[in-house]
PDB file of all heavy atoms in Angstrom:
ATOM      1  N   PRO A   1       7.743 -21.063 -16.760  1.00  0.00           N
ATOM      2  CA  PRO A   1       6.522 -21.867 -16.712  1.00  0.00           C
ATOM      3  C   PRO A   1       5.733 -21.592 -15.412  1.00  0.00           C
ATOM      4  O   PRO A   1       6.298 -21.498 -14.346  1.00  0.00           O
ATOM      5  CB  PRO A   1       7.011 -23.339 -16.689  1.00  0.00           C
ATOM      6  CG  PRO A   1       8.363 -23.264 -17.321  1.00  0.00           C
ATOM      7  CD  PRO A   1       8.912 -21.932 -16.921  1.00  0.00           C
ATOM      8  N   GLY A   2       4.428 -21.433 -15.519  1.00  0.00           N
ATOM      9  CA  GLY A   2       3.575 -21.152 -14.372  1.00  0.00           C
ATOM     10  C   GLY A   2       3.339 -19.663 -14.108  1.00  0.00           C
ATOM     11  O   GLY A   2       2.391 -19.276 -13.429  1.00  0.00           O
ATOM     12  N   ASP A   3       4.228 -18.782 -14.688  1.00  0.00           N
ATOM     13  CA  ASP A   3       4.023 -17.348 -14.555  1.00  0.00           C
ATOM     14  C   ASP A   3       3.059 -16.821 -15.570  1.00  0.00           C
ATOM     15  O   ASP A   3       2.830 -17.452 -16.604  1.00  0.00           O
ATOM     16  CB  ASP A   3       5.382 -16.631 -14.664  1.00  0.00           C
ATOM     17  CG  ASP A   3       6.202 -16.651 -13.404  1.00  0.00           C
ATOM     18  OD1 ASP A   3       5.688 -17.118 -12.404  1.00  0.00           O
ATOM     19  OD2 ASP A   3       7.382 -16.209 -13.452  1.00  0.00           O
ATOM     20  N   VAL A   4       2.506 -15.637 -15.281  1.00  0.00           N
ATOM     21  CA  VAL A   4       1.603 -14.994 -16.229  1.00  0.00           C
ATOM     22  C   VAL A   4       2.224 -13.632 -16.606  1.00  0.00           C
ATOM     23  O   VAL A   4       2.990 -13.076 -15.833  1.00  0.00           O
ATOM     24  CB  VAL A   4       0.189 -14.779 -15.613  1.00  0.00           C
ATOM     25  CG1 VAL A   4      -0.425 -16.130 -15.320  1.00  0.00           C
ATOM     26  CG2 VAL A   4       0.276 -13.905 -14.397  1.00  0.00           C
ATOM     27  N   PRO A   5       1.942 -13.121 -17.835  1.00  0.00           N
ATOM     28  CA  PRO A   5       2.596 -11.893 -18.240  1.00  0.00           C
ATOM     29  C   PRO A   5       2.223 -10.665 -17.467  1.00  0.00           C
ATOM     30  O   PRO A   5       3.035  -9.792 -17.197  1.00  0.00           O
ATOM     31  CB  PRO A   5       2.167 -11.779 -19.739  1.00  0.00           C
ATOM     32  CG  PRO A   5       1.654 -13.157 -20.109  1.00  0.00           C
ATOM     33  CD  PRO A   5       1.150 -13.756 -18.891  1.00  0.00           C
ATOM     34  N   ASP A   6       0.926 -10.548 -17.111  1.00  0.00           N
ATOM     35  CA  ASP A   6       0.433  -9.300 -16.513  1.00  0.00           C
ATOM     36  C   ASP A   6      -0.636  -9.620 -15.472  1.00  0.00           C
ATOM     37  O   ASP A   6      -1.376 -10.587 -15.571  1.00  0.00           O
ATOM     38  CB  ASP A   6      -0.195  -8.392 -17.575  1.00  0.00           C
ATOM     39  CG  ASP A   6       0.728  -8.127 -18.716  1.00  0.00           C
ATOM     40  OD1 ASP A   6       1.701  -7.388 -18.497  1.00  0.00           O
ATOM     41  OD2 ASP A   6       0.524  -8.683 -19.810  1.00  0.00           O
ATOM     42  N   THR A   7      -0.671  -8.757 -14.418  1.00  0.00           N
ATOM     43  CA  THR A   7      -1.724  -8.796 -13.421  1.00  0.00           C
ATOM     44  C   THR A   7      -2.190  -7.380 -13.124  1.00  0.00           C
ATOM     45  O   THR A   7      -1.402  -6.440 -13.097  1.00  0.00           O
ATOM     46  CB  THR A   7      -1.321  -9.486 -12.102  1.00  0.00           C
ATOM     47  OG1 THR A   7      -0.302  -8.657 -11.430  1.00  0.00           O
ATOM     48  CG2 THR A   7      -0.758 -10.890 -12.328  1.00  0.00           C
ATOM     49  N   CYS A   8      -3.467  -7.281 -12.851  1.00  0.00           N
ATOM     50  CA  CYS A   8      -4.070  -5.987 -12.455  1.00  0.00           C
ATOM     51  C   CYS A   8      -5.401  -6.291 -11.776  1.00  0.00           C
ATOM     52  O   CYS A   8      -6.211  -7.042 -12.279  1.00  0.00           O
ATOM     53  CB  CYS A   8      -4.299  -5.108 -13.659  1.00  0.00           C
ATOM     54  SG  CYS A   8      -5.068  -3.503 -13.295  1.00  0.00           S
ATOM     55  N   ALA A   9      -5.604  -5.700 -10.598  1.00  0.00           N
ATOM     56  CA  ALA A   9      -6.758  -5.998  -9.775  1.00  0.00           C
ATOM     57  C   ALA A   9      -7.884  -4.998  -9.987  1.00  0.00           C
ATOM     58  O   ALA A   9      -7.671  -3.801  -9.948  1.00  0.00           O
ATOM     59  CB  ALA A   9      -6.381  -6.012  -8.320  1.00  0.00           C
ATOM     60  N   ASP A  10      -9.071  -5.547 -10.227  1.00  0.00           N
ATOM     61  CA  ASP A  10     -10.323  -4.748 -10.123  1.00  0.00           C
ATOM     62  C   ASP A  10     -10.764  -4.831  -8.675  1.00  0.00           C
ATOM     63  O   ASP A  10     -11.119  -5.934  -8.216  1.00  0.00           O
ATOM     64  CB  ASP A  10     -11.332  -5.284 -11.071  1.00  0.00           C
ATOM     65  CG  ASP A  10     -12.675  -4.502 -11.031  1.00  0.00           C
ATOM     66  OD1 ASP A  10     -12.972  -3.877 -10.024  1.00  0.00           O
ATOM     67  OD2 ASP A  10     -13.471  -4.646 -12.004  1.00  0.00           O
ATOM     68  N   VAL A  11     -10.802  -3.712  -7.923  1.00  0.00           N
ATOM     69  CA  VAL A  11     -11.096  -3.793  -6.525  1.00  0.00           C
ATOM     70  C   VAL A  11     -12.453  -3.132  -6.246  1.00  0.00           C
ATOM     71  O   VAL A  11     -12.756  -2.694  -5.130  1.00  0.00           O
ATOM     72  CB  VAL A  11     -10.049  -3.100  -5.658  1.00  0.00           C
ATOM     73  CG1 VAL A  11      -8.723  -3.855  -5.745  1.00  0.00           C
ATOM     74  CG2 VAL A  11      -9.819  -1.610  -6.080  1.00  0.00           C
ATOM     75  N   GLU A  12     -13.339  -3.113  -7.236  1.00  0.00           N
ATOM     76  CA  GLU A  12     -14.651  -2.503  -7.111  1.00  0.00           C
ATOM     77  C   GLU A  12     -15.440  -3.076  -5.920  1.00  0.00           C
ATOM     78  O   GLU A  12     -16.025  -2.348  -5.126  1.00  0.00           O
ATOM     79  CB  GLU A  12     -15.450  -2.645  -8.400  1.00  0.00           C
ATOM     80  CG  GLU A  12     -16.838  -2.097  -8.312  1.00  0.00           C
ATOM     81  CD  GLU A  12     -17.673  -2.367  -9.570  1.00  0.00           C
ATOM     82  OE1 GLU A  12     -17.078  -2.608 -10.630  1.00  0.00           O
ATOM     83  OE2 GLU A  12     -18.945  -2.316  -9.493  1.00  0.00           O
ATOM     84  N   GLU A  13     -15.469  -4.398  -5.824  1.00  0.00           N
ATOM     85  CA  GLU A  13     -16.286  -5.017  -4.749  1.00  0.00           C
ATOM     86  C   GLU A  13     -15.700  -4.755  -3.391  1.00  0.00           C
ATOM     87  O   GLU A  13     -16.449  -4.539  -2.394  1.00  0.00           O
ATOM     88  CB  GLU A  13     -16.353  -6.532  -5.007  1.00  0.00           C
ATOM     89  CG  GLU A  13     -17.287  -6.968  -6.096  1.00  0.00           C
ATOM     90  CD  GLU A  13     -16.727  -6.760  -7.484  1.00  0.00           C
ATOM     91  OE1 GLU A  13     -15.514  -6.449  -7.596  1.00  0.00           O
ATOM     92  OE2 GLU A  13     -17.434  -6.947  -8.490  1.00  0.00           O
ATOM     93  N   LEU A  14     -14.372  -4.755  -3.258  1.00  0.00           N
ATOM     94  CA  LEU A  14     -13.706  -4.437  -2.004  1.00  0.00           C
ATOM     95  C   LEU A  14     -14.075  -3.019  -1.541  1.00  0.00           C
ATOM     96  O   LEU A  14     -14.436  -2.801  -0.381  1.00  0.00           O
ATOM     97  CB  LEU A  14     -12.213  -4.590  -2.111  1.00  0.00           C
ATOM     98  CG  LEU A  14     -11.386  -4.381  -0.861  1.00  0.00           C
ATOM     99  CD1 LEU A  14     -11.591  -5.545   0.150  1.00  0.00           C
ATOM    100  CD2 LEU A  14      -9.893  -4.252  -1.193  1.00  0.00           C
ATOM    101  N   ALA A  15     -13.954  -2.096  -2.489  1.00  0.00           N
ATOM    102  CA  ALA A  15     -14.278  -0.692  -2.137  1.00  0.00           C
ATOM    103  C   ALA A  15     -15.735  -0.493  -1.812  1.00  0.00           C
ATOM    104  O   ALA A  15     -16.075   0.229  -0.837  1.00  0.00           O
ATOM    105  CB  ALA A  15     -13.883   0.199  -3.301  1.00  0.00           C
ATOM    106  N   ARG A  16     -16.594  -1.232  -2.484  1.00  0.00           N
ATOM    107  CA  ARG A  16     -18.038  -1.089  -2.270  1.00  0.00           C
ATOM    108  C   ARG A  16     -18.425  -1.671  -0.906  1.00  0.00           C
ATOM    109  O   ARG A  16     -19.218  -1.045  -0.141  1.00  0.00           O
ATOM    110  CB  ARG A  16     -18.802  -1.808  -3.363  1.00  0.00           C
ATOM    111  CG  ARG A  16     -20.313  -1.802  -3.217  1.00  0.00           C
ATOM    112  CD  ARG A  16     -20.933  -2.850  -4.128  1.00  0.00           C
ATOM    113  NE  ARG A  16     -20.616  -4.219  -3.651  1.00  0.00           N
ATOM    114  CZ  ARG A  16     -20.575  -5.281  -4.438  1.00  0.00           C
ATOM    115  NH1 ARG A  16     -20.880  -5.165  -5.751  1.00  0.00           N
ATOM    116  NH2 ARG A  16     -20.256  -6.447  -3.943  1.00  0.00           N
ATOM    117  N   ASP A  17     -17.922  -2.847  -0.568  1.00  0.00           N
ATOM    118  CA  ASP A  17     -18.370  -3.529   0.628  1.00  0.00           C
ATOM    119  C   ASP A  17     -17.701  -3.110   1.923  1.00  0.00           C
ATOM    120  O   ASP A  17     -18.287  -3.128   2.995  1.00  0.00           O
ATOM    121  CB  ASP A  17     -18.231  -5.068   0.448  1.00  0.00           C
ATOM    122  CG  ASP A  17     -19.163  -5.618  -0.556  1.00  0.00           C
ATOM    123  OD1 ASP A  17     -20.038  -4.899  -1.069  1.00  0.00           O
ATOM    124  OD2 ASP A  17     -19.018  -6.822  -0.952  1.00  0.00           O
ATOM    125  N   VAL A  18     -16.406  -2.761   1.864  1.00  0.00           N
ATOM    126  CA  VAL A  18     -15.677  -2.405   3.078  1.00  0.00           C
ATOM    127  C   VAL A  18     -15.080  -1.027   3.040  1.00  0.00           C
ATOM    128  O   VAL A  18     -14.384  -0.623   3.962  1.00  0.00           O
ATOM    129  CB  VAL A  18     -14.619  -3.477   3.433  1.00  0.00           C
ATOM    130  CG1 VAL A  18     -15.236  -4.826   3.559  1.00  0.00           C
ATOM    131  CG2 VAL A  18     -13.452  -3.472   2.410  1.00  0.00           C
ATOM    132  N   GLY A  19     -15.303  -0.275   1.923  1.00  0.00           N
ATOM    133  CA  GLY A  19     -14.857   1.086   1.841  1.00  0.00           C
ATOM    134  C   GLY A  19     -13.365   1.302   1.801  1.00  0.00           C
ATOM    135  O   GLY A  19     -12.828   2.255   2.349  1.00  0.00           O
ATOM    136  N   TYR A  20     -12.675   0.367   1.099  1.00  0.00           N
ATOM    137  CA  TYR A  20     -11.222   0.456   1.109  1.00  0.00           C
ATOM    138  C   TYR A  20     -10.643  -0.003  -0.214  1.00  0.00           C
ATOM    139  O   TYR A  20     -11.144  -0.952  -0.850  1.00  0.00           O
ATOM    140  CB  TYR A  20     -10.642  -0.402   2.225  1.00  0.00           C
ATOM    141  CG  TYR A  20      -9.110  -0.357   2.212  1.00  0.00           C
ATOM    142  CD1 TYR A  20      -8.445   0.823   2.626  1.00  0.00           C
ATOM    143  CD2 TYR A  20      -8.364  -1.458   1.824  1.00  0.00           C
ATOM    144  CE1 TYR A  20      -7.073   0.887   2.605  1.00  0.00           C
ATOM    145  CE2 TYR A  20      -6.977  -1.387   1.844  1.00  0.00           C
ATOM    146  CZ  TYR A  20      -6.340  -0.234   2.205  1.00  0.00           C
ATOM    147  OH  TYR A  20      -4.961  -0.185   2.168  1.00  0.00           O
ATOM    148  N   ALA A  21      -9.575   0.694  -0.652  1.00  0.00           N
ATOM    149  CA  ALA A  21      -8.781   0.241  -1.818  1.00  0.00           C
ATOM    150  C   ALA A  21      -7.312   0.614  -1.568  1.00  0.00           C
ATOM    151  O   ALA A  21      -7.022   1.722  -1.095  1.00  0.00           O
ATOM    152  CB  ALA A  21      -9.276   0.950  -3.073  1.00  0.00           C
ATOM    153  N   PRO A  22      -6.375  -0.315  -1.808  1.00  0.00           N
ATOM    154  CA  PRO A  22      -4.956  -0.012  -1.615  1.00  0.00           C
ATOM    155  C   PRO A  22      -4.520   1.178  -2.432  1.00  0.00           C
ATOM    156  O   PRO A  22      -5.069   1.455  -3.478  1.00  0.00           O
ATOM    157  CB  PRO A  22      -4.270  -1.287  -2.062  1.00  0.00           C
ATOM    158  CG  PRO A  22      -5.324  -2.356  -1.830  1.00  0.00           C
ATOM    159  CD  PRO A  22      -6.580  -1.717  -2.174  1.00  0.00           C
ATOM    160  N   SER A  23      -3.444   1.894  -1.936  1.00  0.00           N
ATOM    161  CA  SER A  23      -3.042   3.107  -2.656  1.00  0.00           C
ATOM    162  C   SER A  23      -1.565   3.418  -2.561  1.00  0.00           C
ATOM    163  O   SER A  23      -1.103   4.382  -3.164  1.00  0.00           O
ATOM    164  CB  SER A  23      -3.853   4.314  -2.093  1.00  0.00           C
ATOM    165  OG  SER A  23      -3.583   4.455  -0.698  1.00  0.00           O
ATOM    166  N   THR A  24      -0.742   2.645  -1.836  1.00  0.00           N
ATOM    167  CA  THR A  24       0.683   2.972  -1.672  1.00  0.00           C
ATOM    168  C   THR A  24       1.417   2.823  -2.974  1.00  0.00           C
ATOM    169  O   THR A  24       1.499   1.702  -3.535  1.00  0.00           O
ATOM    170  CB  THR A  24       1.323   2.119  -0.557  1.00  0.00           C
ATOM    171  OG1 THR A  24       0.564   2.242   0.647  1.00  0.00           O
ATOM    172  CG2 THR A  24       2.739   2.493  -0.376  1.00  0.00           C
ATOM    173  N   PRO A  25       2.070   3.832  -3.489  1.00  0.00           N
ATOM    174  CA  PRO A  25       2.861   3.733  -4.759  1.00  0.00           C
ATOM    175  C   PRO A  25       4.139   2.944  -4.483  1.00  0.00           C
ATOM    176  O   PRO A  25       4.686   2.914  -3.352  1.00  0.00           O
ATOM    177  CB  PRO A  25       3.144   5.151  -5.137  1.00  0.00           C
ATOM    178  CG  PRO A  25       3.074   5.950  -3.883  1.00  0.00           C
ATOM    179  CD  PRO A  25       2.087   5.235  -2.997  1.00  0.00           C
ATOM    180  N   VAL A  26       4.697   2.315  -5.550  1.00  0.00           N
ATOM    181  CA  VAL A  26       5.867   1.483  -5.380  1.00  0.00           C
ATOM    182  C   VAL A  26       7.049   2.299  -4.930  1.00  0.00           C
ATOM    183  O   VAL A  26       7.943   1.788  -4.238  1.00  0.00           O
ATOM    184  CB  VAL A  26       6.205   0.677  -6.681  1.00  0.00           C
ATOM    185  CG1 VAL A  26       5.137  -0.337  -6.966  1.00  0.00           C
ATOM    186  CG2 VAL A  26       6.429   1.603  -7.827  1.00  0.00           C
ATOM    187  N   GLU A  27       7.114   3.556  -5.340  1.00  0.00           N
ATOM    188  CA  GLU A  27       8.275   4.407  -4.923  1.00  0.00           C
ATOM    189  C   GLU A  27       8.323   4.511  -3.391  1.00  0.00           C
ATOM    190  O   GLU A  27       9.452   4.516  -2.799  1.00  0.00           O
ATOM    191  CB  GLU A  27       8.161   5.791  -5.547  1.00  0.00           C
ATOM    192  CG  GLU A  27       8.351   5.825  -7.027  1.00  0.00           C
ATOM    193  CD  GLU A  27       7.144   5.446  -7.848  1.00  0.00           C
ATOM    194  OE1 GLU A  27       6.055   5.168  -7.249  1.00  0.00           O
ATOM    195  OE2 GLU A  27       7.235   5.354  -9.079  1.00  0.00           O
ATOM    196  N   VAL A  28       7.184   4.619  -2.722  1.00  0.00           N
ATOM    197  CA  VAL A  28       7.142   4.668  -1.289  1.00  0.00           C
ATOM    198  C   VAL A  28       7.393   3.324  -0.666  1.00  0.00           C
ATOM    199  O   VAL A  28       8.170   3.181   0.258  1.00  0.00           O
ATOM    200  CB  VAL A  28       5.786   5.253  -0.827  1.00  0.00           C
ATOM    201  CG1 VAL A  28       5.651   5.155   0.662  1.00  0.00           C
ATOM    202  CG2 VAL A  28       5.596   6.672  -1.283  1.00  0.00           C
ATOM    203  N   GLY A  29       6.730   2.301  -1.183  1.00  0.00           N
ATOM    204  CA  GLY A  29       6.816   0.979  -0.614  1.00  0.00           C
ATOM    205  C   GLY A  29       8.212   0.375  -0.726  1.00  0.00           C
ATOM    206  O   GLY A  29       8.737  -0.208   0.240  1.00  0.00           O
ATOM    207  N   VAL A  30       8.855   0.513  -1.869  1.00  0.00           N
ATOM    208  CA  VAL A  30      10.191  -0.009  -2.095  1.00  0.00           C
ATOM    209  C   VAL A  30      11.228   0.726  -1.168  1.00  0.00           C
ATOM    210  O   VAL A  30      12.104   0.110  -0.593  1.00  0.00           O
ATOM    211  CB  VAL A  30      10.624   0.066  -3.542  1.00  0.00           C
ATOM    212  CG1 VAL A  30      12.127  -0.241  -3.698  1.00  0.00           C
ATOM    213  CG2 VAL A  30       9.779  -0.876  -4.431  1.00  0.00           C
TER     214      VAL A  30
END
């Protein structure tokens, strides 16, 4: 209860306004 099945971020506004979008793959981060 309270969880959602899926999440995915649209980062268009972040990239447009501050010129950045996250990119680290899980293989590297983990």
